[in-house]
């Protein structure tokens, strides 16, 4: 809650000398809210290029921040908005990064002589200066270069004053509107429980999973998106697949994915994803492809979904790696469509319903003979109804979806991208995979059924 009826937004531009003490202080007093922004991710060569461009006048973009004290002054003391800004002030920060975090980090490193400018020839006041390894840092610059920087090089800082945490997030998205932000970077800025949960999980495992075991880093929130995909798979089953639309839906307030992630009881998405991450952290001594990590999660999902328990985690993980390598090497054709014939390997790079369905089927087939779970899985591994069963359900429904009353064209009966064969009595509750227990339904509506947005049509 702010003092004004409408959030007040003001901005102030400042030119700050690069070599000034005030700029050095500034670079150490800028906070980073990782709920919508990201840690500096520039490599040293990129940083060196930027610093050279800054010195020669080819880096005009301002560093954009929010003035924390002024923002707090716009809010009612004791309100959530006031507490948000005040918590950063209490930690010793004066500004909050909106855009330019990489530049801020680069300048701080340069002023502290932790990194230099790009080597090569630069021209200052008509005089060529050769920058080498021996003179590219601030403390080793030639006197003429240092004098030029001291007298001419400025850093433009734009200070915004806004009255809410949401306004800060919106400002970040507006500032980056012209930059190719990844979808997950945009989702990460959403104020919702799902975003908080994924960030917490990433923070817990980032040091072990983004140092080579799955990714080499978490630039642009790759790990966040991967874990969000697992959350969607848990909520809607592997056969449903995961699209960008599904991921955006997961970040809605009280989404089905979020509810499945935090639900009370023995099982929930958070626990199973944590288990998958922990197995990689504890037992992976090399690296695992992100898609194989999804496959590991689906193996754990199948164990849980069939009310089984893993008897020996280490041996189970070894079993998974061995069988995963065998599945990847197999030339068995799993599905043929317009794009050609596909093996387990050729299906691993995407997360569509077709890709995940057939990968999950192969994993479940191998789980039937796994000796490291309490009782080997002997149930129908895919829970997929046959084309005949789907056709009989379509006939019984007179070609109408029981969830939406939409017409199901006969030509689309087996199109699993549009229509799902659903168990009337849930499989987990003993429902059989037979024609009597089959209903053909809209895939999108079936996903939303768990959230209460659709009810069975009368």
Protein backbone atom coordinates (compact mmCIF):
# COMPACT_ATOMS: atom_id res chain seq x y z
CA UNK A 1 0.00 0.00 0.00
CA UNK A 2 1.39 3.38 -1.01
CA UNK A 3 0.60 6.86 0.18
CA UNK A 4 -0.71 7.88 -3.23
CA UNK A 5 -3.85 6.62 -4.90
CA UNK A 6 -1.73 5.77 -7.95
CA UNK A 7 1.89 4.57 -7.77
CA UNK A 8 4.22 7.53 -8.24
CA UNK A 9 7.01 7.03 -10.75
CA UNK A 10 9.85 9.50 -11.13
CA UNK A 11 13.30 9.23 -12.64
CA UNK A 12 16.55 11.11 -12.38
CA UNK A 13 19.58 10.83 -14.68
CA UNK A 14 23.09 11.33 -13.30
CA UNK A 15 26.51 11.46 -14.96
CA UNK A 16 29.00 9.97 -12.52
CA UNK A 17 32.78 10.02 -13.23
CA UNK A 18 34.10 6.51 -13.77
CA UNK A 19 37.05 7.01 -11.41
CA UNK A 20 35.10 8.72 -8.66
CA UNK A 21 34.82 7.30 -5.17
CA UNK A 22 31.06 7.79 -5.35
CA UNK A 23 30.78 5.37 -8.28
CA UNK A 24 32.82 2.74 -6.45
CA UNK A 25 30.52 3.14 -3.45
CA UNK A 26 27.50 2.90 -5.74
CA UNK A 27 28.64 -0.42 -7.25
CA UNK A 28 28.86 -1.94 -3.78
CA UNK A 29 25.47 -0.68 -2.61
CA UNK A 30 23.21 -2.01 -5.39
CA UNK A 31 20.97 -4.91 -4.35
CA UNK A 32 19.80 -7.63 -6.72
CA UNK A 33 16.33 -9.14 -6.36
CA UNK A 34 16.70 -12.52 -8.04
CA UNK A 35 12.93 -12.97 -8.18
CA UNK A 36 12.97 -10.86 -11.35
CA UNK A 37 16.61 -10.06 -12.08
CA UNK A 38 19.63 -12.29 -12.53
CA UNK A 39 23.20 -12.49 -11.31
CA UNK A 40 25.92 -11.07 -13.53
CA UNK A 41 26.65 -13.61 -16.25
CA UNK A 42 29.21 -11.90 -18.49
CA UNK A 43 32.41 -13.79 -19.15
CA UNK A 44 35.74 -11.98 -18.71
CA UNK A 45 36.22 -11.33 -22.45
CA UNK A 46 32.74 -9.79 -22.68
CA UNK A 47 33.45 -7.67 -19.60
CA UNK A 48 36.75 -6.45 -21.07
CA UNK A 49 35.04 -5.41 -24.31
CA UNK A 50 32.39 -3.47 -22.42
CA UNK A 51 35.00 -1.63 -20.34
CA UNK A 52 36.93 -0.63 -23.44
CA UNK A 53 33.72 0.56 -25.12
CA UNK A 54 32.83 2.54 -22.01
CA UNK A 55 36.18 4.33 -22.08
CA UNK A 56 36.07 5.20 -25.78
CA UNK A 57 32.43 6.34 -25.59
CA UNK A 58 30.61 3.44 -27.23
CA UNK A 59 28.59 2.30 -24.19
CA UNK A 60 25.83 4.89 -23.80
CA UNK A 61 23.16 2.75 -22.10
CA UNK A 62 22.41 3.88 -18.55
CA UNK A 63 22.51 1.69 -15.48
CA UNK A 64 18.94 1.70 -14.19
CA UNK A 65 18.20 1.36 -10.47
CA UNK A 66 15.48 2.13 -7.95
CA UNK A 67 16.32 4.51 -5.10
CA UNK A 68 15.37 2.37 -2.09
CA UNK A 69 15.00 5.17 0.46
CA UNK A 70 12.83 7.30 -1.82
CA UNK A 71 10.72 4.25 -2.72
CA UNK A 72 10.19 3.46 0.97
CA UNK A 73 9.16 7.06 1.62
CA UNK A 74 6.26 6.62 -0.83
CA UNK A 75 4.86 3.69 1.15
CA UNK A 76 2.89 3.53 4.37
CA UNK A 77 5.20 2.49 7.16
CA UNK A 78 4.49 -1.07 8.21
CA UNK A 79 2.87 -2.04 4.89
CA UNK A 80 4.18 -4.96 2.82
CA UNK A 81 5.48 -2.54 0.21
CA UNK A 82 7.36 -0.56 2.87
CA UNK A 83 8.80 -3.76 4.36
CA UNK A 84 9.98 -4.90 0.92
CA UNK A 85 12.09 -1.78 0.34
CA UNK A 86 13.15 -1.51 3.98
CA UNK A 87 14.58 -5.04 4.09
CA UNK A 88 17.13 -4.06 1.44
CA UNK A 89 17.96 -0.83 3.27
CA UNK A 90 18.48 -2.81 6.49
CA UNK A 91 21.02 -4.96 4.64
CA UNK A 92 23.03 -1.84 3.78
CA UNK A 93 21.85 -1.25 0.22
CA UNK A 94 20.79 2.11 -1.21
CA UNK A 95 19.67 1.05 -4.69
CA UNK A 96 17.93 -1.91 -6.32
CA UNK A 97 19.14 -3.10 -9.73
CA UNK A 98 16.61 -2.85 -12.56
CA UNK A 99 18.84 -3.04 -15.64
CA UNK A 100 22.60 -3.01 -16.02
CA UNK A 101 23.67 -5.49 -13.36
CA UNK A 102 26.39 -6.92 -15.60
CA UNK A 103 27.70 -3.41 -16.22
CA UNK A 104 27.66 -2.59 -12.52
CA UNK A 105 29.61 -5.75 -11.68
CA UNK A 106 32.08 -5.05 -14.50
CA UNK A 107 32.75 -1.50 -13.29
CA UNK A 108 33.23 -2.68 -9.72
CA UNK A 109 35.76 -5.30 -10.82
CA UNK A 110 37.58 -2.73 -12.94
CA UNK A 111 37.79 -0.15 -10.15
CA UNK A 112 39.07 -2.85 -7.79
CA UNK A 113 41.70 -3.94 -10.36
CA UNK A 114 40.16 -7.39 -10.65
CA UNK A 115 39.85 -7.17 -14.43
CA UNK A 116 41.19 -4.98 -17.23
CA UNK A 117 39.99 -3.63 -20.56
CA UNK A 118 40.20 -5.45 -23.88
CA UNK A 119 43.69 -5.62 -25.33
CA UNK A 120 44.45 -3.94 -28.64
CA UNK A 121 44.86 -0.42 -29.98
CA UNK A 122 42.59 2.40 -28.84
CA UNK A 123 42.68 6.08 -29.82
CA UNK A 124 42.44 8.78 -27.15
CA UNK A 125 42.42 12.47 -28.19
CA UNK A 126 43.92 11.50 -31.54
CA UNK A 127 46.73 9.48 -29.95
CA UNK A 128 46.95 5.71 -30.42
CA UNK A 129 47.61 3.65 -27.30
CA UNK A 130 48.47 -0.03 -27.41
CA UNK A 131 46.70 -1.94 -24.64
CA UNK A 132 48.51 -5.12 -23.62
CA UNK A 133 48.34 -7.53 -20.74
CA UNK A 134 50.89 -5.42 -18.90
CA UNK A 135 48.85 -2.19 -18.93
CA UNK A 136 45.16 -3.15 -19.33
CA UNK A 137 44.21 -2.82 -15.63
CA UNK A 138 43.42 0.50 -13.97
CA UNK A 139 46.53 0.50 -11.82
CA UNK A 140 48.80 -0.21 -14.81
CA UNK A 141 47.22 2.17 -17.37
CA UNK A 142 49.56 4.68 -19.06
CA UNK A 143 49.32 8.11 -17.42
CA UNK A 144 47.73 9.67 -20.52
CA UNK A 145 44.95 7.07 -20.52
CA UNK A 146 44.31 7.39 -16.82
CA UNK A 147 44.16 11.18 -17.09
CA UNK A 148 41.70 10.96 -19.98
CA UNK A 149 39.44 8.57 -18.07
CA UNK A 150 39.58 10.79 -14.99
CA UNK A 151 38.56 13.90 -16.95
CA UNK A 152 36.15 12.57 -19.57
CA UNK A 153 34.62 9.14 -18.91
CA UNK A 154 31.21 9.19 -17.29
CA UNK A 155 28.76 6.47 -16.31
CA UNK A 156 25.09 7.31 -16.79
CA UNK A 157 22.88 6.22 -13.91
CA UNK A 158 19.10 6.48 -14.06
CA UNK A 159 17.42 6.44 -10.64
CA UNK A 160 13.74 5.52 -10.52
CA UNK A 161 11.38 6.03 -7.60
CA UNK A 162 8.37 3.72 -7.50
CA UNK A 163 5.92 2.82 -4.78
CA UNK A 164 5.56 -0.97 -4.94
CA UNK A 165 7.42 -4.22 -5.45
CA UNK A 166 5.13 -4.96 -8.41
CA UNK A 167 6.11 -1.64 -10.00
CA UNK A 168 9.78 -2.65 -9.72
CA UNK A 169 9.06 -5.96 -11.46
CA UNK A 170 6.97 -4.23 -14.15
CA UNK A 171 9.74 -1.69 -14.70
CA UNK A 172 12.24 -4.51 -15.22
CA UNK A 173 10.00 -6.11 -17.86
CA UNK A 174 9.38 -2.76 -19.60
CA UNK A 175 13.07 -1.87 -19.67
CA UNK A 176 13.87 -5.29 -21.15
CA UNK A 177 10.96 -5.19 -23.59
CA UNK A 178 13.28 -4.75 -26.56
CA UNK A 179 15.69 -7.48 -25.50
CA UNK A 180 15.18 -11.13 -26.29
CA UNK A 181 14.40 -12.31 -22.78
CA UNK A 182 13.75 -16.02 -22.50
CA UNK A 183 10.26 -17.04 -21.44
CA UNK A 184 11.57 -18.30 -18.09
CA UNK A 185 13.19 -14.93 -17.38
CA UNK A 186 9.80 -13.32 -17.82
CA UNK A 187 8.07 -15.95 -15.68
CA UNK A 188 10.62 -15.51 -12.95
CA UNK A 189 9.44 -11.92 -12.52
CA UNK A 190 5.87 -12.98 -11.74
CA UNK A 191 4.82 -12.54 -8.12
CA UNK A 192 3.37 -15.96 -7.28
CA UNK A 193 3.96 -19.01 -5.12
CA UNK A 194 5.25 -21.16 -7.98
CA UNK A 195 8.02 -18.66 -8.76
CA UNK A 196 9.04 -18.60 -5.10
CA UNK A 197 9.09 -22.40 -4.88
CA UNK A 198 11.19 -22.87 -8.02
CA UNK A 199 13.68 -20.18 -6.93
CA UNK A 200 14.04 -21.86 -3.55
CA UNK A 201 14.69 -25.25 -5.15
CA UNK A 202 17.25 -23.75 -7.53
CA UNK A 203 19.01 -21.95 -4.67
CA UNK A 204 19.24 -25.26 -2.81
CA UNK A 205 20.83 -27.20 -5.67
CA UNK A 206 22.38 -24.57 -7.95
CA UNK A 207 25.95 -25.11 -6.73
CA UNK A 208 25.83 -28.83 -7.53
CA UNK A 209 23.58 -28.94 -10.61
CA UNK A 210 24.97 -25.94 -12.50
CA UNK A 211 28.65 -26.75 -12.21
CA UNK A 212 28.69 -29.44 -14.86
CA UNK A 213 26.34 -32.18 -13.62
CA UNK A 214 23.41 -30.88 -15.67
CA UNK A 215 24.40 -27.37 -16.80
CA UNK A 216 27.65 -25.44 -16.59
CA UNK A 217 25.80 -22.41 -15.23
CA UNK A 218 22.28 -21.09 -14.68
CA UNK A 219 22.51 -18.23 -17.15
CA UNK A 220 19.03 -17.12 -18.19
CA UNK A 221 17.39 -19.49 -15.70
CA UNK A 222 17.87 -22.76 -17.56
CA UNK A 223 17.67 -24.78 -14.35
CA UNK A 224 14.56 -22.87 -13.22
CA UNK A 225 12.77 -23.82 -16.43
CA UNK A 226 13.88 -27.45 -16.17
CA UNK A 227 12.49 -27.78 -12.63
CA UNK A 228 9.28 -25.99 -13.66
CA UNK A 229 8.84 -28.60 -16.40
CA UNK A 230 9.11 -31.35 -13.80
CA UNK A 231 6.44 -29.62 -11.72
CA UNK A 232 4.06 -29.61 -14.71
CA UNK A 233 4.80 -33.28 -15.44
CA UNK A 234 4.01 -34.15 -11.83
CA UNK A 235 0.73 -32.23 -11.89
CA UNK A 236 -0.58 -33.54 -15.23
CA UNK A 237 1.30 -36.84 -15.81
CA UNK A 238 4.07 -37.41 -18.35
CA UNK A 239 1.64 -38.32 -21.15
CA UNK A 240 0.29 -34.77 -21.22
CA UNK A 241 3.62 -33.24 -22.26
CA UNK A 242 4.89 -29.77 -21.38
CA UNK A 243 4.52 -26.66 -23.54
CA UNK A 244 5.35 -23.01 -22.94
CA UNK A 245 1.63 -22.47 -22.40
CA UNK A 246 1.70 -25.09 -19.63
CA UNK A 247 4.66 -23.38 -18.00
CA UNK A 248 2.98 -19.98 -18.09
CA UNK A 249 -0.16 -21.54 -16.64
CA UNK A 250 1.90 -23.02 -13.79
CA UNK A 251 2.87 -19.51 -12.73
CA UNK A 252 -0.73 -18.41 -12.24
CA UNK A 253 -1.94 -17.81 -8.68
CA UNK A 254 -3.23 -21.10 -7.25
CA UNK A 255 -2.51 -23.00 -10.46
CA UNK A 256 -3.03 -26.76 -10.58
CA UNK A 257 0.73 -27.22 -10.90
CA UNK A 258 1.36 -25.10 -7.81
CA UNK A 259 -1.29 -26.97 -5.81
CA UNK A 260 0.25 -30.32 -6.77
CA UNK A 261 3.68 -28.97 -5.87
CA UNK A 262 2.79 -28.01 -2.29
CA UNK A 263 -0.11 -30.38 -1.48
CA UNK A 264 -0.04 -31.88 1.99
CA UNK A 265 0.54 -35.56 2.54
CA UNK A 266 3.17 -38.15 1.78
CA UNK A 267 3.53 -37.15 -1.86
CA UNK A 268 3.82 -33.83 -3.67
CA UNK A 269 5.75 -32.29 -6.54
CA UNK A 270 8.23 -30.53 -4.29
CA UNK A 271 9.30 -33.77 -2.59
CA UNK A 272 9.71 -35.73 -5.82
CA UNK A 273 11.66 -32.98 -7.60
CA UNK A 274 13.85 -32.56 -4.52
CA UNK A 275 14.48 -36.29 -4.58
CA UNK A 276 15.56 -36.19 -8.24
CA UNK A 277 17.92 -33.27 -7.59
CA UNK A 278 19.35 -34.99 -4.52
CA UNK A 279 20.12 -38.18 -6.44
CA UNK A 280 22.08 -36.19 -9.03
CA UNK A 281 23.93 -34.25 -6.36
CA UNK A 282 24.80 -37.36 -4.37
CA UNK A 283 25.46 -40.05 -6.95
CA UNK A 284 26.24 -38.42 -10.32
CA UNK A 285 30.02 -38.35 -10.75
CA UNK A 286 29.94 -37.04 -14.32
CA UNK A 287 27.20 -35.22 -16.15
CA UNK A 288 23.64 -36.00 -17.22
CA UNK A 289 21.75 -34.53 -20.17
CA UNK A 290 18.76 -32.35 -19.11
CA UNK A 291 16.37 -34.67 -20.97
CA UNK A 292 17.81 -37.67 -19.14
CA UNK A 293 17.24 -35.77 -15.91
CA UNK A 294 13.58 -35.50 -16.93
CA UNK A 295 13.64 -39.23 -17.62
CA UNK A 296 15.05 -39.88 -14.15
CA UNK A 297 12.22 -37.83 -12.70
CA UNK A 298 9.68 -39.84 -14.71
CA UNK A 299 11.21 -43.05 -13.35
CA UNK A 300 10.77 -41.73 -9.81
CA UNK A 301 7.25 -40.62 -10.73
CA UNK A 302 6.38 -44.13 -11.93
CA UNK A 303 7.70 -45.67 -8.70
CA UNK A 304 5.65 -43.26 -6.59
CA UNK A 305 2.57 -43.49 -8.81
CA UNK A 306 2.49 -47.25 -8.34
CA UNK A 307 2.91 -46.95 -4.55
CA UNK A 308 6.35 -48.52 -4.59
CA UNK A 309 9.47 -47.63 -2.60
CA UNK A 310 13.13 -47.51 -3.61
CA UNK A 311 15.10 -49.95 -1.48
CA UNK A 312 18.61 -48.72 -2.30
CA UNK A 313 19.00 -45.21 -3.77
CA UNK A 314 22.57 -45.59 -4.96
CA UNK A 315 21.91 -48.89 -6.70
CA UNK A 316 18.67 -47.53 -8.15
CA UNK A 317 20.54 -44.56 -9.64
CA UNK A 318 23.17 -46.88 -11.13
CA UNK A 319 20.36 -48.99 -12.56
CA UNK A 320 18.77 -45.90 -14.09
CA UNK A 321 22.03 -44.75 -15.73
CA UNK A 322 22.68 -48.22 -17.15
CA UNK A 323 19.17 -48.69 -18.52
CA UNK A 324 19.05 -45.09 -19.78
CA UNK A 325 22.23 -45.68 -21.79
CA UNK A 326 20.70 -48.86 -23.21
CA UNK A 327 17.50 -47.05 -24.13
CA UNK A 328 19.46 -44.27 -25.82
CA UNK A 329 21.45 -46.81 -27.82
CA UNK A 330 18.39 -48.81 -28.88
CA UNK A 331 17.35 -48.66 -32.54
CA UNK A 332 13.80 -49.72 -31.65
CA UNK A 333 11.24 -47.54 -33.47
CA UNK A 334 8.78 -46.21 -30.89
CA UNK A 335 6.56 -44.04 -33.07
CA UNK A 336 6.24 -42.99 -36.69
CA UNK A 337 4.61 -39.71 -37.67
CA UNK A 338 4.88 -36.99 -40.32
CA UNK A 339 8.39 -36.15 -39.11
CA UNK A 340 9.59 -39.72 -39.58
CA UNK A 341 10.34 -42.73 -37.42
CA UNK A 342 11.60 -42.07 -33.91
CA UNK A 343 13.71 -43.97 -31.41
CA UNK A 344 14.08 -43.19 -27.71
CA UNK A 345 17.11 -41.06 -28.55
CA UNK A 346 15.40 -38.99 -31.24
CA UNK A 347 12.51 -38.26 -28.86
CA UNK A 348 14.63 -36.93 -26.05
CA UNK A 349 15.16 -33.31 -27.07
CA UNK A 350 11.53 -32.19 -26.72
CA UNK A 351 8.82 -32.43 -24.10
CA UNK A 352 5.66 -32.79 -26.20
CA UNK A 353 3.04 -35.33 -25.20
CA UNK A 354 4.33 -37.73 -27.87
CA UNK A 355 7.96 -37.41 -26.78
CA UNK A 356 7.26 -37.88 -23.08
CA UNK A 357 4.61 -40.60 -23.57
CA UNK A 358 6.89 -42.97 -25.44
CA UNK A 359 9.93 -42.25 -23.27
CA UNK A 360 7.81 -42.88 -20.18
CA UNK A 361 6.53 -46.13 -21.65
CA UNK A 362 10.07 -47.43 -22.21
CA UNK A 363 11.15 -46.41 -18.71
CA UNK A 364 8.14 -48.19 -17.18
CA UNK A 365 8.87 -51.34 -19.17
CA UNK A 366 12.39 -51.42 -17.74
CA UNK A 367 11.10 -50.68 -14.23
CA UNK A 368 9.14 -53.96 -14.34
CA UNK A 369 12.43 -55.82 -13.91
CA UNK A 370 14.14 -53.37 -11.53
CA UNK A 371 15.23 -55.16 -8.36
CA UNK A 372 15.87 -51.98 -6.37
CA UNK A 373 12.24 -51.06 -5.75
CA UNK A 374 10.00 -52.73 -3.16
CA UNK A 375 7.80 -54.62 -5.64
CA UNK A 376 8.63 -54.60 -9.36
CA UNK A 377 6.08 -52.62 -11.36
CA UNK A 378 3.72 -55.04 -13.09
CA UNK A 379 0.88 -52.65 -13.86
CA UNK A 380 0.11 -51.29 -17.31
CA UNK A 381 3.24 -49.14 -17.81
CA UNK A 382 1.73 -46.52 -20.10
CA UNK A 383 -1.91 -46.58 -19.03
CA UNK A 384 -2.58 -45.84 -22.67
CA UNK A 385 -5.87 -46.98 -24.12
CA UNK A 386 -5.68 -48.79 -27.44
CA UNK A 387 -7.03 -47.22 -30.65
CA UNK A 388 -9.95 -49.66 -30.45
CA UNK A 389 -10.79 -48.57 -26.90
CA UNK A 390 -10.55 -44.91 -27.91
CA UNK A 391 -12.92 -45.54 -30.86
CA UNK A 392 -15.46 -47.33 -28.66
CA UNK A 393 -15.37 -44.42 -26.18
CA UNK A 394 -15.92 -41.98 -29.06
CA UNK A 395 -18.91 -44.01 -30.26
CA UNK A 396 -20.37 -44.24 -26.76
CA UNK A 397 -20.02 -40.47 -26.34
CA UNK A 398 -21.54 -39.91 -29.80
CA UNK A 399 -18.44 -37.98 -30.80
CA UNK A 400 -18.81 -35.36 -28.05
CA UNK A 401 -16.19 -34.47 -25.41
CA UNK A 402 -17.71 -35.10 -21.96
CA UNK A 403 -15.80 -32.18 -20.45
CA UNK A 404 -16.44 -29.43 -22.97
CA UNK A 405 -19.25 -30.68 -25.23
CA UNK A 406 -16.97 -30.05 -28.19
CA UNK A 407 -17.32 -32.24 -31.27
CA UNK A 408 -14.51 -34.76 -31.70
CA UNK A 409 -13.97 -35.36 -35.43
CA UNK A 410 -13.65 -39.05 -36.23
CA UNK A 411 -10.39 -38.30 -38.03
CA UNK A 412 -8.92 -37.01 -34.73
CA UNK A 413 -9.85 -39.91 -32.42
CA UNK A 414 -6.20 -40.98 -32.11
CA UNK A 415 -4.71 -37.48 -32.17
CA UNK A 416 -3.15 -37.40 -28.69
CA UNK A 417 -2.12 -33.78 -29.14
CA UNK A 418 -5.83 -32.76 -29.03
CA UNK A 419 -7.77 -35.55 -27.32
CA UNK A 420 -6.84 -37.70 -24.32
CA UNK A 421 -8.23 -41.07 -23.36
CA UNK A 422 -8.97 -40.55 -19.68
CA UNK A 423 -9.79 -43.06 -16.94
CA UNK A 424 -13.30 -42.48 -15.58
CA UNK A 425 -12.19 -44.15 -12.36
CA UNK A 426 -8.63 -42.97 -11.71
CA UNK A 427 -5.95 -45.53 -12.43
CA UNK A 428 -4.40 -44.79 -9.02
CA UNK A 429 -7.75 -45.76 -7.43
CA UNK A 430 -7.97 -49.09 -9.17
CA UNK A 431 -9.55 -47.95 -12.41
CA UNK A 432 -8.93 -50.36 -15.28
CA UNK A 433 -7.49 -49.53 -18.68
CA UNK A 434 -10.40 -50.94 -20.65
CA UNK A 435 -13.18 -49.68 -22.89
CA UNK A 436 -15.72 -49.39 -20.05
CA UNK A 437 -13.45 -47.08 -18.06
CA UNK A 438 -12.41 -44.92 -21.03
CA UNK A 439 -13.64 -41.46 -21.93
CA UNK A 440 -12.25 -39.35 -24.78
CA UNK A 441 -11.75 -35.74 -23.65
CA UNK A 442 -10.21 -32.44 -24.72
CA UNK A 443 -6.56 -32.45 -23.70
CA UNK A 444 -6.56 -28.84 -22.47
CA UNK A 445 -9.76 -29.29 -20.48
CA UNK A 446 -8.45 -32.51 -18.95
CA UNK A 447 -5.39 -30.66 -17.68
CA UNK A 448 -7.60 -28.02 -16.10
CA UNK A 449 -10.00 -30.54 -14.60
CA UNK A 450 -7.86 -30.86 -11.49
CA UNK A 451 -8.12 -27.13 -10.80
CA UNK A 452 -11.92 -27.25 -10.88
CA UNK A 453 -12.20 -25.10 -14.02
CA UNK A 454 -14.11 -27.87 -15.83
CA UNK A 455 -16.69 -30.35 -14.60
CA UNK A 456 -18.04 -33.38 -16.38
CA UNK A 457 -20.78 -32.29 -18.74
CA UNK A 458 -24.25 -33.57 -17.90
